Amino acid sequence: MNVAFIVIDTLRYDYIGANGNDWIETPNIDRFASKAWAFDRAFCASFPTIPYRTDVITGQYGAPFHAWKPLRHERQTLPRTLAQQGYATQLLHDTPHLVNGGHNFDWPFHAWTFIRGAEVDRDWIMDTVPMPDNWVKEPLFDCLDDGAFKSNMLRSYARANRNRKSLEDWNCAKLFNTAAQFLKDNAKRENFFLWVDCFDPHEPWDAPPEFMKKYDKRPGYDGNIDPRSLGGRNKQTLSDAARQHIKDQYAAKLTWMDHCFGEFVDALESTGLDKNTAVILTGDHGTNVGDRGSFGKGQPVREQEGHVPLFVRLPEGDTGRSNVIVQPQDFYPTILNILGVDRPDGLEGHDFLTPAREGKSGEREIALSGGSIQNWTQAGKRTKGTLFTAFDQDWNIEVSAKPENSKLIKLGSIEYVQDQHQDVVAKLHAAAVEEIGQRGIDPALMMWLRSGGEAEFPTGVSFFDGYPGPEGYSTYFGRLYPGE
């Protein structure tokens, strides 16, 4: 049997038709989901992009969350384990982070293909910054200056898409067309592991005009995008109409991604590979689309960022919905169980498919999400600071050192209700502290947390596995084209 693992960056659970959304068009995901198991309680753990993928590919916690660091060569990764069992492993991605900046996610695969054109893709240097054809300034954003367009990330994106003319030239279309070609080229295989890593609908929320017009219904609107709308989106000077337009941009890019994903689903079925290929479709994290007045992801991780869609389509054809709580460490053992491959030592995830099929609740009672706990250094100085987030079947709690400083939100809501549910806060806080203590956290940090933050914040502790990372490494977001 083959396996395809498809991860979509910045994909919200509640923006998918198959999960109950009634205003965003996702026909191809819905078509795929109609023949799949749907998991309604999947949450990210390490946050965001690279930390999440480290969770998946290693099947381990990062003491307790992985930091944004390169994948180490000695890790026993999922593709390496499958390769040792005779599987051919292929990575297809337009997510630049996997290889930009030395992040090393190409290393575990037999073959990898990088589709150019997404944000922070260091594609090309030139003495001008050509605007893509669908970028046009409009009065709606005259309240903003050109500062956003002068940012290195947006300039890099514009250069990478300087020759974009037809729909086939967009990076998302290239990615899924390439994935469809892979299926056609391997239609007779029964031993491939394909990882497709799609960056859309990540920022910038730039979609083709015909998809923008599905959502922005203003009379005379031509579907073009003002580049100033792609940055500085939390400025209070934005009008309600401008904020609505930005919401439309995310919806349009999601529908555009869904359109491209349809090429993969078509190829899966036309080649007959749906009869011998298990396909997992999920998101790495969500984002804010005007929630609490914000756009984009941030911390603490709330439901809008942490709750992700998850669908598993199997050759056996069985379907269903499950509330088994899933974290990204669980993909590794689940895939091995699907294939009948023994799990290596050291995996910390759980098979989530078997309990779903058996109508059981699974191994997890709680999910944890957060960035590197190096951030605790600052939060620890403020007794009310949020350290990480925990989710159960019904609630989302932003965990502070003291239970009484933690914030509680009902899943599906954005309103804080801790004052009305102190019993739930106490129970979830205790469960979250107990769970994080099982994920490799430095004992000194655990002692500080158990003290409710009353003890002096410890020094000289390990914040994550492999701290501080390779000598000379630093993230590259602020130094695209330095000194050009």
Protein backbone atom coordinates (compact mmCIF):
# COMPACT_ATOMS: atom_id res chain seq x y z
CA MET A 1 0.00 0.00 0.00
CA ASN A 2 1.07 3.59 -0.71
CA VAL A 3 0.66 6.59 1.57
CA ALA A 4 0.31 10.28 0.71
CA PHE A 5 0.57 12.85 3.49
CA ILE A 6 -0.70 16.31 2.50
CA VAL A 7 -0.23 19.22 4.87
CA ILE A 8 -1.81 22.59 4.06
CA ASP A 9 -0.28 25.63 5.74
CA THR A 10 -2.57 28.07 7.60
CA LEU A 11 -5.77 26.07 7.16
CA ARG A 12 -8.60 26.67 9.62
CA TYR A 13 -10.84 23.81 10.74
CA ASP A 14 -14.01 25.90 10.61
CA TYR A 15 -13.41 27.24 7.10
CA ILE A 16 -14.03 23.86 5.40
CA GLY A 17 -17.43 22.93 4.00
CA ALA A 18 -17.11 19.34 5.18
CA ASN A 19 -16.69 20.72 8.71
CA GLY A 20 -19.86 22.79 8.54
CA ASN A 21 -18.80 26.03 6.86
CA ASP A 22 -21.59 27.31 4.62
CA TRP A 23 -20.04 30.32 2.88
CA ILE A 24 -16.55 29.32 1.70
CA GLU A 25 -16.28 27.13 -1.38
CA THR A 26 -14.15 24.01 -0.79
CA PRO A 27 -15.74 21.50 -3.20
CA ASN A 28 -12.64 19.36 -3.73
CA ILE A 29 -11.77 19.03 -0.06
CA ASP A 30 -15.44 18.23 0.56
CA ARG A 31 -15.38 15.61 -2.21
CA PHE A 32 -12.25 14.07 -0.72
CA ALA A 33 -13.73 14.18 2.80
CA SER A 34 -16.93 12.43 1.71
CA LYS A 35 -14.86 9.27 1.24
CA ALA A 36 -12.69 9.70 4.32
CA TRP A 37 -12.59 9.59 8.08
CA ALA A 38 -13.00 13.09 9.52
CA PHE A 39 -11.36 13.97 12.84
CA ASP A 40 -12.96 16.90 14.65
CA ARG A 41 -10.44 17.25 17.47
CA ALA A 42 -7.06 17.62 15.76
CA PHE A 43 -4.78 20.32 17.18
CA CYS A 44 -1.29 21.56 16.41
CA ALA A 45 1.38 21.06 19.09
CA SER A 46 4.68 22.82 18.35
CA PHE A 47 3.89 26.11 16.63
CA PRO A 48 4.20 27.23 13.85
CA THR A 49 5.61 25.94 10.49
CA ILE A 50 8.99 24.28 11.10
CA PRO A 51 8.24 23.22 14.69
CA TYR A 52 4.99 21.57 13.54
CA ARG A 53 6.74 19.62 10.79
CA THR A 54 9.43 18.51 13.21
CA ASP A 55 6.65 17.06 15.38
CA VAL A 56 5.26 15.12 12.42
CA ILE A 57 8.48 13.84 10.89
CA THR A 58 10.03 12.71 14.20
CA GLY A 59 6.93 11.57 16.10
CA GLN A 60 8.44 13.05 19.24
CA TYR A 61 7.85 15.96 21.59
CA GLY A 62 10.36 18.80 21.64
CA ALA A 63 10.76 19.02 25.43
CA PRO A 64 7.88 19.87 25.32
CA PHE A 65 7.57 21.89 22.07
CA HIS A 66 10.01 21.93 19.18
CA ALA A 67 11.63 25.25 18.48
CA TRP A 68 12.18 26.79 15.05
CA LYS A 69 15.44 24.95 14.35
CA PRO A 70 16.78 22.79 11.49
CA LEU A 71 15.95 19.10 11.45
CA ARG A 72 18.96 17.23 12.82
CA HIS A 73 20.52 14.59 10.61
CA GLU A 74 20.54 11.86 13.23
CA ARG A 75 16.77 11.91 13.88
CA GLN A 76 14.91 8.71 13.00
CA THR A 77 12.34 10.32 10.73
CA LEU A 78 9.15 8.90 9.26
CA PRO A 79 10.46 8.81 5.65
CA ARG A 80 13.69 7.21 6.82
CA THR A 81 11.80 4.49 8.68
CA LEU A 82 9.68 3.81 5.60
CA ALA A 83 12.72 3.81 3.32
CA GLN A 84 14.28 1.14 5.52
CA GLN A 85 11.14 -0.93 4.87
CA GLY A 86 11.47 -0.62 1.10
CA TYR A 87 9.28 2.41 0.45
CA ALA A 88 10.22 5.05 -2.14
CA THR A 89 9.95 8.46 -0.45
CA GLN A 90 9.22 11.72 -2.27
CA LEU A 91 8.81 15.27 -0.98
CA LEU A 92 6.93 17.82 -3.12
CA HIS A 93 6.67 21.28 -1.60
CA ASP A 94 6.22 24.95 -2.24
CA THR A 95 6.78 25.74 1.45
CA PRO A 96 10.14 27.51 1.25
CA HIS A 97 11.05 27.02 4.91
CA LEU A 98 11.68 23.30 4.41
CA VAL A 99 14.90 24.04 2.53
CA ASN A 100 15.48 27.79 2.88
CA GLY A 101 17.81 28.70 5.70
CA GLY A 102 19.24 25.19 6.04
CA HIS A 103 16.18 23.62 7.63
CA ASN A 104 17.12 20.23 6.17
CA PHE A 105 13.72 18.69 5.49
CA ASP A 106 14.87 17.46 2.08
CA TRP A 107 17.48 15.23 3.75
CA PRO A 108 15.28 12.27 4.84
CA PHE A 109 13.68 11.72 1.40
CA HIS A 110 14.91 9.76 -1.60
CA ALA A 111 13.78 12.61 -3.85
CA TRP A 112 12.43 16.11 -3.39
CA THR A 113 11.04 18.84 -5.63
CA PHE A 114 10.74 22.49 -4.61
CA ILE A 115 8.11 24.59 -6.37
CA ARG A 116 9.14 28.24 -6.35
CA GLY A 117 7.02 31.33 -5.72
CA ALA A 118 5.69 31.36 -2.15
CA GLU A 119 6.47 33.94 0.53
CA VAL A 120 10.14 34.13 1.66
CA ASP A 121 11.25 32.14 -1.39
CA ARG A 122 14.67 33.66 -2.06
CA ASP A 123 14.23 33.28 -5.78
CA TRP A 124 15.97 36.14 -7.55
CA ILE A 125 17.81 39.44 -7.14
CA MET A 126 17.12 42.31 -9.50
CA ASP A 127 17.40 46.08 -9.38
CA THR A 128 13.64 46.62 -9.57
CA VAL A 129 10.61 45.09 -7.85
CA PRO A 130 8.08 44.21 -10.58
CA MET A 131 4.46 44.13 -9.44
CA PRO A 132 2.51 40.99 -10.40
CA ASP A 133 -0.22 41.70 -12.95
CA ASN A 134 -3.04 41.39 -10.40
CA TRP A 135 -1.60 44.03 -8.01
CA VAL A 136 -3.23 47.43 -8.36
CA LYS A 137 -3.59 50.19 -5.77
CA GLU A 138 -7.14 51.15 -4.87
CA PRO A 139 -8.60 53.89 -2.63
CA LEU A 140 -9.73 51.35 -0.01
CA PHE A 141 -6.15 51.19 1.28
CA ASP A 142 -5.03 54.79 0.81
CA CYS A 143 -5.00 55.04 4.61
CA LEU A 144 -1.83 52.88 4.51
CA ASP A 145 1.56 53.96 3.24
CA ASP A 146 3.82 51.87 1.03
CA GLY A 147 5.80 50.52 3.97
CA ALA A 148 4.35 47.03 3.70
CA PHE A 149 5.37 46.74 0.06
CA LYS A 150 8.89 47.85 0.96
CA SER A 151 9.32 44.89 3.33
CA ASN A 152 11.88 42.34 2.17
CA MET A 153 9.39 39.46 2.38
CA LEU A 154 6.84 41.08 0.09
CA ARG A 155 9.53 42.31 -2.30
CA SER A 156 10.95 38.79 -2.42
CA TYR A 157 7.48 37.40 -3.15
CA ALA A 158 6.92 39.92 -5.95
CA ARG A 159 10.23 38.99 -7.59
CA ALA A 160 9.52 35.28 -7.31
CA ASN A 161 6.23 35.84 -9.17
CA ARG A 162 7.51 38.35 -11.73
CA ASN A 163 6.61 36.07 -14.67
CA ARG A 164 3.19 34.96 -13.42
CA LYS A 165 0.63 35.26 -16.22
CA SER A 166 -1.80 32.32 -16.31
CA LEU A 167 -3.35 30.28 -13.51
CA GLU A 168 -0.85 27.51 -14.22
CA ASP A 169 1.97 29.91 -13.27
CA TRP A 170 0.84 30.26 -9.65
CA ASN A 171 2.88 28.20 -7.22
CA CYS A 172 -0.12 26.34 -5.75
CA ALA A 173 -1.22 25.18 -9.21
CA LYS A 174 2.33 24.06 -10.01
CA LEU A 175 2.51 22.12 -6.76
CA PHE A 176 -0.65 20.09 -7.21
CA ASN A 177 -0.08 19.63 -10.94
CA THR A 178 3.33 18.19 -10.02
CA ALA A 179 1.71 15.98 -7.39
CA ALA A 180 -0.80 14.75 -9.97
CA GLN A 181 2.07 13.99 -12.35
CA PHE A 182 3.80 12.02 -9.60
CA LEU A 183 0.70 9.85 -9.25
CA LYS A 184 0.55 9.28 -12.99
CA ASP A 185 4.25 8.40 -13.08
CA ASN A 186 3.82 5.93 -10.22
CA ALA A 187 0.40 4.48 -11.01
CA LYS A 188 1.71 0.90 -10.76
CA ARG A 189 3.58 1.36 -7.48
CA GLU A 190 2.52 -0.08 -4.17
CA ASN A 191 5.42 1.23 -2.11
CA PHE A 192 5.61 5.02 -2.22
CA PHE A 193 5.40 7.55 0.57
CA LEU A 194 4.54 10.98 -0.83
CA TRP A 195 4.66 14.13 1.31
CA VAL A 196 2.97 17.11 -0.35
CA ASP A 197 3.56 20.36 1.54
CA CYS A 198 1.34 23.22 0.35
CA PHE A 199 2.00 26.79 1.56
CA ASP A 200 -1.35 28.28 0.47
CA PRO A 201 -3.47 29.75 2.03
CA HIS A 202 -0.57 31.18 4.04
CA GLU A 203 0.13 34.89 3.69
CA PRO A 204 0.31 36.89 1.53
CA TRP A 205 -3.42 36.42 0.87
CA ASP A 206 -2.99 36.90 -2.85
CA ALA A 207 -5.37 34.94 -5.09
CA PRO A 208 -6.25 35.07 -8.81
CA PRO A 209 -8.90 37.68 -9.72
CA GLU A 210 -11.62 35.16 -10.59
CA PHE A 211 -11.37 33.73 -7.07
CA MET A 212 -11.34 37.14 -5.40
CA LYS A 213 -14.58 38.03 -7.19
CA LYS A 214 -16.30 35.04 -5.60
CA TYR A 215 -16.17 36.85 -2.25
CA ASP A 216 -15.72 40.58 -2.82
CA LYS A 217 -19.04 41.51 -4.43
CA ARG A 218 -18.52 45.28 -4.62
CA PRO A 219 -19.96 46.71 -7.84
CA GLY A 220 -17.21 47.14 -10.41
CA TYR A 221 -14.56 45.24 -8.43
CA ASP A 222 -12.18 43.57 -10.92
CA GLY A 223 -10.59 41.02 -8.61
CA ASN A 224 -7.21 42.72 -8.35
CA ILE A 225 -5.37 43.16 -5.04
CA ASP A 226 -3.76 46.21 -3.51
CA PRO A 227 -0.28 45.14 -2.26
CA ARG A 228 -0.72 47.44 0.75
CA SER A 229 -3.47 45.08 1.95
CA LEU A 230 -0.93 42.28 2.26
CA GLY A 231 0.83 43.85 5.23
CA GLY A 232 0.03 46.13 8.15
CA ARG A 233 -3.39 44.53 8.46
CA ASN A 234 -3.89 45.22 12.15
CA LYS A 235 -3.73 48.98 11.76
CA GLN A 236 -6.69 50.64 13.41
CA THR A 237 -6.99 53.04 10.47
CA LEU A 238 -8.50 50.34 8.28
CA SER A 239 -12.17 50.81 7.49
CA ASP A 240 -14.73 48.06 7.96
CA ALA A 241 -14.81 47.67 4.18
CA ALA A 242 -11.02 47.24 4.06
CA ARG A 243 -11.12 44.64 6.83
CA GLN A 244 -13.88 42.76 5.03
CA HIS A 245 -11.81 42.80 1.86
CA ILE A 246 -8.90 41.19 3.73
CA LYS A 247 -11.26 38.49 5.03
CA ASP A 248 -12.30 37.94 1.42
CA GLN A 249 -8.63 37.57 0.47
CA TYR A 250 -8.15 34.64 2.85
CA ALA A 251 -11.37 32.99 1.68
CA ALA A 252 -10.36 33.45 -1.96
CA LYS A 253 -6.92 31.97 -1.40
CA LEU A 254 -8.45 28.99 0.40
CA THR A 255 -10.86 28.36 -2.48
CA TRP A 256 -7.98 28.78 -4.93
CA MET A 257 -5.96 26.18 -3.01
CA ASP A 258 -8.98 23.86 -3.03
CA HIS A 259 -9.26 24.30 -6.82
CA CYS A 260 -5.63 23.25 -7.22
CA PHE A 261 -6.04 20.33 -4.81
CA GLY A 262 -8.74 19.04 -7.14
CA GLU A 263 -6.04 18.12 -9.66
CA PHE A 264 -4.55 15.74 -7.12
CA VAL A 265 -7.91 14.15 -6.27
CA ASP A 266 -8.70 13.71 -9.97
CA ALA A 267 -5.36 12.00 -10.59
CA LEU A 268 -5.75 9.79 -7.51
CA GLU A 269 -9.03 8.47 -8.88
CA SER A 270 -8.18 8.36 -12.59
CA THR A 271 -4.99 6.34 -12.02
CA GLY A 272 -6.77 3.88 -9.74
CA LEU A 273 -4.36 4.68 -6.92
CA ASP A 274 -7.31 5.38 -4.66
CA LYS A 275 -7.63 1.58 -4.47
CA ASN A 276 -4.20 1.08 -2.89
CA THR A 277 -3.21 4.46 -1.42
CA ALA A 278 -4.05 5.90 1.98
CA VAL A 279 -4.21 9.71 1.86
CA ILE A 280 -4.02 11.99 4.89
CA LEU A 281 -5.05 15.64 4.48
CA THR A 282 -4.49 18.10 7.32
CA GLY A 283 -3.35 21.61 8.23
CA ASP A 284 -0.36 22.68 10.29
CA HIS A 285 -2.21 25.50 12.08
CA GLY A 286 -4.93 28.04 11.45
CA THR A 287 -4.94 31.82 11.61
CA ASN A 288 -7.00 34.82 12.65
CA VAL A 289 -9.24 36.28 9.98
CA GLY A 290 -10.55 39.33 11.79
CA ASP A 291 -11.07 37.40 15.04
CA ARG A 292 -10.69 39.82 17.97
CA GLY A 293 -9.78 42.40 15.33
CA SER A 294 -6.62 40.53 14.30
CA PHE A 295 -5.31 39.03 11.09
CA GLY A 296 -2.64 36.34 10.91
CA LYS A 297 -1.33 33.91 13.49
CA GLY A 298 0.02 34.79 16.89
CA GLN A 299 0.52 33.56 20.39
CA PRO A 300 -0.99 32.38 22.66
CA VAL A 301 -2.33 29.70 20.35
CA ARG A 302 -6.11 29.95 20.41
CA GLU A 303 -8.63 27.76 18.65
CA GLN A 304 -8.46 29.82 15.45
CA GLU A 305 -4.76 28.94 15.22
CA GLY A 306 -4.65 25.56 16.95
CA HIS A 307 -7.69 23.64 15.68
CA VAL A 308 -6.98 22.07 12.28
CA PRO A 309 -8.93 19.91 9.82
CA LEU A 310 -7.94 16.27 9.41
CA PHE A 311 -9.26 13.74 6.91
CA VAL A 312 -7.95 10.21 6.28
CA ARG A 313 -9.04 8.47 3.09
CA LEU A 314 -8.37 4.73 3.00
CA PRO A 315 -8.38 2.13 0.21
CA GLU A 316 -10.90 0.10 2.22
CA GLY A 317 -13.40 2.90 1.66
CA ASP A 318 -14.70 3.16 5.23
CA THR A 319 -15.77 6.58 6.47
CA GLY A 320 -16.92 8.23 9.68
CA ARG A 321 -16.42 11.13 12.07
CA SER A 322 -14.39 10.90 15.24
CA ASN A 323 -13.66 13.03 18.30
CA VAL A 324 -10.37 11.24 19.03
CA ILE A 325 -7.93 13.98 20.08
CA VAL A 326 -5.03 14.09 17.60
CA GLN A 327 -1.66 15.84 17.76
CA PRO A 328 0.99 15.88 14.99
CA GLN A 329 3.20 13.32 16.77
CA ASP A 330 0.41 10.83 16.07
CA PHE A 331 0.82 10.75 12.28
CA TYR A 332 4.04 8.71 12.43
CA PRO A 333 2.64 5.72 14.37
CA THR A 334 -0.72 5.93 12.58
CA ILE A 335 0.93 5.68 9.17
CA LEU A 336 3.08 2.76 10.33
CA ASN A 337 -0.02 0.97 11.59
CA ILE A 338 -1.83 1.56 8.30
CA LEU A 339 1.10 -0.07 6.49
CA GLY A 340 1.70 -2.82 9.04
CA VAL A 341 5.21 -1.56 9.78
CA ASP A 342 6.71 -1.95 13.26
CA ARG A 343 7.31 1.32 15.07
CA PRO A 344 10.89 2.22 16.03
CA ASP A 345 11.88 2.96 19.59
CA GLY A 346 11.33 6.45 20.87
CA LEU A 347 8.03 7.38 19.22
CA GLU A 348 5.82 9.43 21.52
CA GLY A 349 2.64 9.59 19.43
CA HIS A 350 -0.40 7.34 19.30
CA ASP A 351 -2.32 5.61 16.53
CA PHE A 352 -5.56 7.56 16.17
CA LEU A 353 -7.20 5.64 13.32
CA THR A 354 -7.73 2.32 15.12
CA PRO A 355 -9.69 3.80 18.05
CA ALA A 356 -11.76 5.86 15.60
CA ARG A 357 -12.69 2.73 13.68
CA GLU A 358 -13.52 0.97 16.94
CA GLY A 359 -15.63 3.84 18.24
CA LYS A 360 -13.23 4.48 21.13
CA SER A 361 -11.89 7.75 22.54
CA GLY A 362 -8.18 7.23 21.87
CA GLU A 363 -5.16 7.74 24.08
CA ARG A 364 -5.33 11.49 24.60
CA GLU A 365 -7.56 13.40 26.97
CA ILE A 366 -5.87 16.73 26.31
CA ALA A 367 -3.80 18.41 23.58
CA LEU A 368 -1.06 21.00 24.16
CA SER A 369 -0.02 23.75 21.76
CA GLY A 370 2.62 26.45 21.96
CA GLY A 371 5.83 28.01 20.74
CA SER A 372 9.28 27.26 22.12
CA ILE A 373 9.24 27.48 25.91
CA GLN A 374 12.24 29.76 25.63
CA ASN A 375 9.46 32.36 25.56
CA TRP A 376 8.67 31.45 29.15
CA THR A 377 11.61 33.60 30.17
CA GLN A 378 9.49 36.66 29.50
CA ALA A 379 6.13 35.18 30.48
CA GLY A 380 7.69 33.92 33.70
CA LYS A 381 8.46 37.46 34.75
CA ARG A 382 4.77 38.26 34.55
CA THR A 383 2.70 35.99 36.77
CA LYS A 384 -0.28 36.49 34.46
CA GLY A 385 1.61 35.62 31.27
CA THR A 386 0.31 32.76 29.12
CA LEU A 387 2.80 29.91 28.85
CA PHE A 388 1.03 27.50 26.50
CA THR A 389 -2.46 26.38 25.49
CA ALA A 390 -4.40 23.21 26.21
CA PHE A 391 -7.47 21.82 24.44
CA ASP A 392 -9.86 19.07 25.41
CA GLN A 393 -13.13 17.96 23.83
CA ASP A 394 -14.95 21.14 24.83
CA TRP A 395 -12.54 23.83 26.03
CA ASN A 396 -9.45 25.89 25.22
CA ILE A 397 -7.42 27.13 28.19
CA GLU A 398 -4.56 29.61 27.99
CA VAL A 399 -2.35 28.28 30.76
CA SER A 400 -0.57 30.65 33.15
CA ALA A 401 1.57 29.53 36.06
CA LYS A 402 -1.33 30.25 38.42
CA PRO A 403 -4.70 28.66 37.63
CA GLU A 404 -6.53 31.86 38.60
CA ASN A 405 -4.63 33.78 35.89
CA SER A 406 -5.47 31.29 33.16
CA LYS A 407 -8.12 32.11 30.54
CA LEU A 408 -10.89 29.78 29.41
CA ILE A 409 -12.78 29.73 26.12
CA LYS A 410 -15.46 27.32 24.93
CA LEU A 411 -14.52 25.66 21.64
CA GLY A 412 -16.31 27.45 18.83
CA SER A 413 -16.31 30.77 20.69
CA ILE A 414 -13.93 33.71 21.23
CA GLU A 415 -15.34 34.87 24.58
CA TYR A 416 -13.40 34.38 27.79
CA VAL A 417 -15.55 32.61 30.41
CA GLN A 418 -13.10 31.63 33.16
CA ASP A 419 -15.01 33.64 35.77
CA GLN A 420 -18.13 31.54 35.20
CA HIS A 421 -16.32 28.17 35.13
CA GLN A 422 -13.62 28.16 37.79
CA ASP A 423 -14.13 24.42 38.31
CA VAL A 424 -13.31 23.77 34.65
CA VAL A 425 -10.26 26.06 34.88
CA ALA A 426 -8.93 24.19 37.91
CA LYS A 427 -9.45 20.79 36.29
CA LEU A 428 -7.94 21.72 32.93
CA HIS A 429 -5.01 23.60 34.46
CA ALA A 430 -4.10 20.57 36.56
CA ALA A 431 -4.41 18.26 33.54
CA ALA A 432 -2.32 20.58 31.35
CA VAL A 433 0.45 20.85 33.95
CA GLU A 434 0.47 17.08 34.39
CA GLU A 435 0.62 16.51 30.63
CA ILE A 436 3.43 18.97 29.97
CA GLY A 437 5.40 17.25 32.71
CA GLN A 438 5.27 14.08 30.58
CA ARG A 439 6.77 15.76 27.52
CA GLY A 440 10.41 16.11 28.50
CA ILE A 441 10.36 19.55 30.10
CA ASP A 442 13.42 20.56 32.13
CA PRO A 443 12.79 19.54 35.77
CA ALA A 444 13.71 23.02 37.03
CA LEU A 445 11.08 24.59 34.79
CA MET A 446 8.58 22.00 35.95
CA MET A 447 9.29 22.83 39.58
CA TRP A 448 8.76 26.52 38.84
CA LEU A 449 5.46 25.77 37.07
CA ARG A 450 4.23 23.54 39.91
CA SER A 451 4.98 26.37 42.33
CA GLY A 452 2.44 28.48 40.48
CA GLY A 453 5.24 30.82 39.46
CA GLU A 454 5.99 31.68 43.09
CA ALA A 455 9.51 30.25 42.95
CA GLU A 456 12.28 32.26 41.32
CA PHE A 457 12.38 31.61 37.59
CA PRO A 458 15.26 29.14 37.02
CA THR A 459 18.41 29.96 35.09
CA GLY A 460 20.65 27.69 33.04
CA VAL A 461 17.78 25.44 31.98
CA SER A 462 17.25 23.59 28.69
CA PHE A 463 14.35 25.10 26.77
CA PHE A 464 14.11 22.45 24.05
CA ASP A 465 15.80 19.36 22.72
CA GLY A 466 18.99 20.41 20.94
CA TYR A 467 19.18 23.93 22.39
CA PRO A 468 20.57 26.26 21.18
CA GLY A 469 20.82 24.66 17.74
CA PRO A 470 23.62 24.48 15.15
CA GLU A 471 26.46 26.94 15.62
CA GLY A 472 25.97 30.01 13.45
CA TYR A 473 22.29 29.30 12.72
CA SER A 474 19.68 32.04 12.82
CA THR A 475 16.30 32.39 11.15
CA TYR A 476 16.43 34.33 7.92
CA PHE A 477 13.14 36.24 7.82
CA GLY A 478 14.68 39.61 8.64
CA ARG A 479 17.68 39.26 6.39
CA LEU A 480 16.28 38.41 2.97
CA TYR A 481 18.68 39.97 0.49
CA PRO A 482 20.78 41.69 3.19
CA GLY A 483 22.58 44.76 1.96
CA GLU A 484 21.23 44.60 -1.59
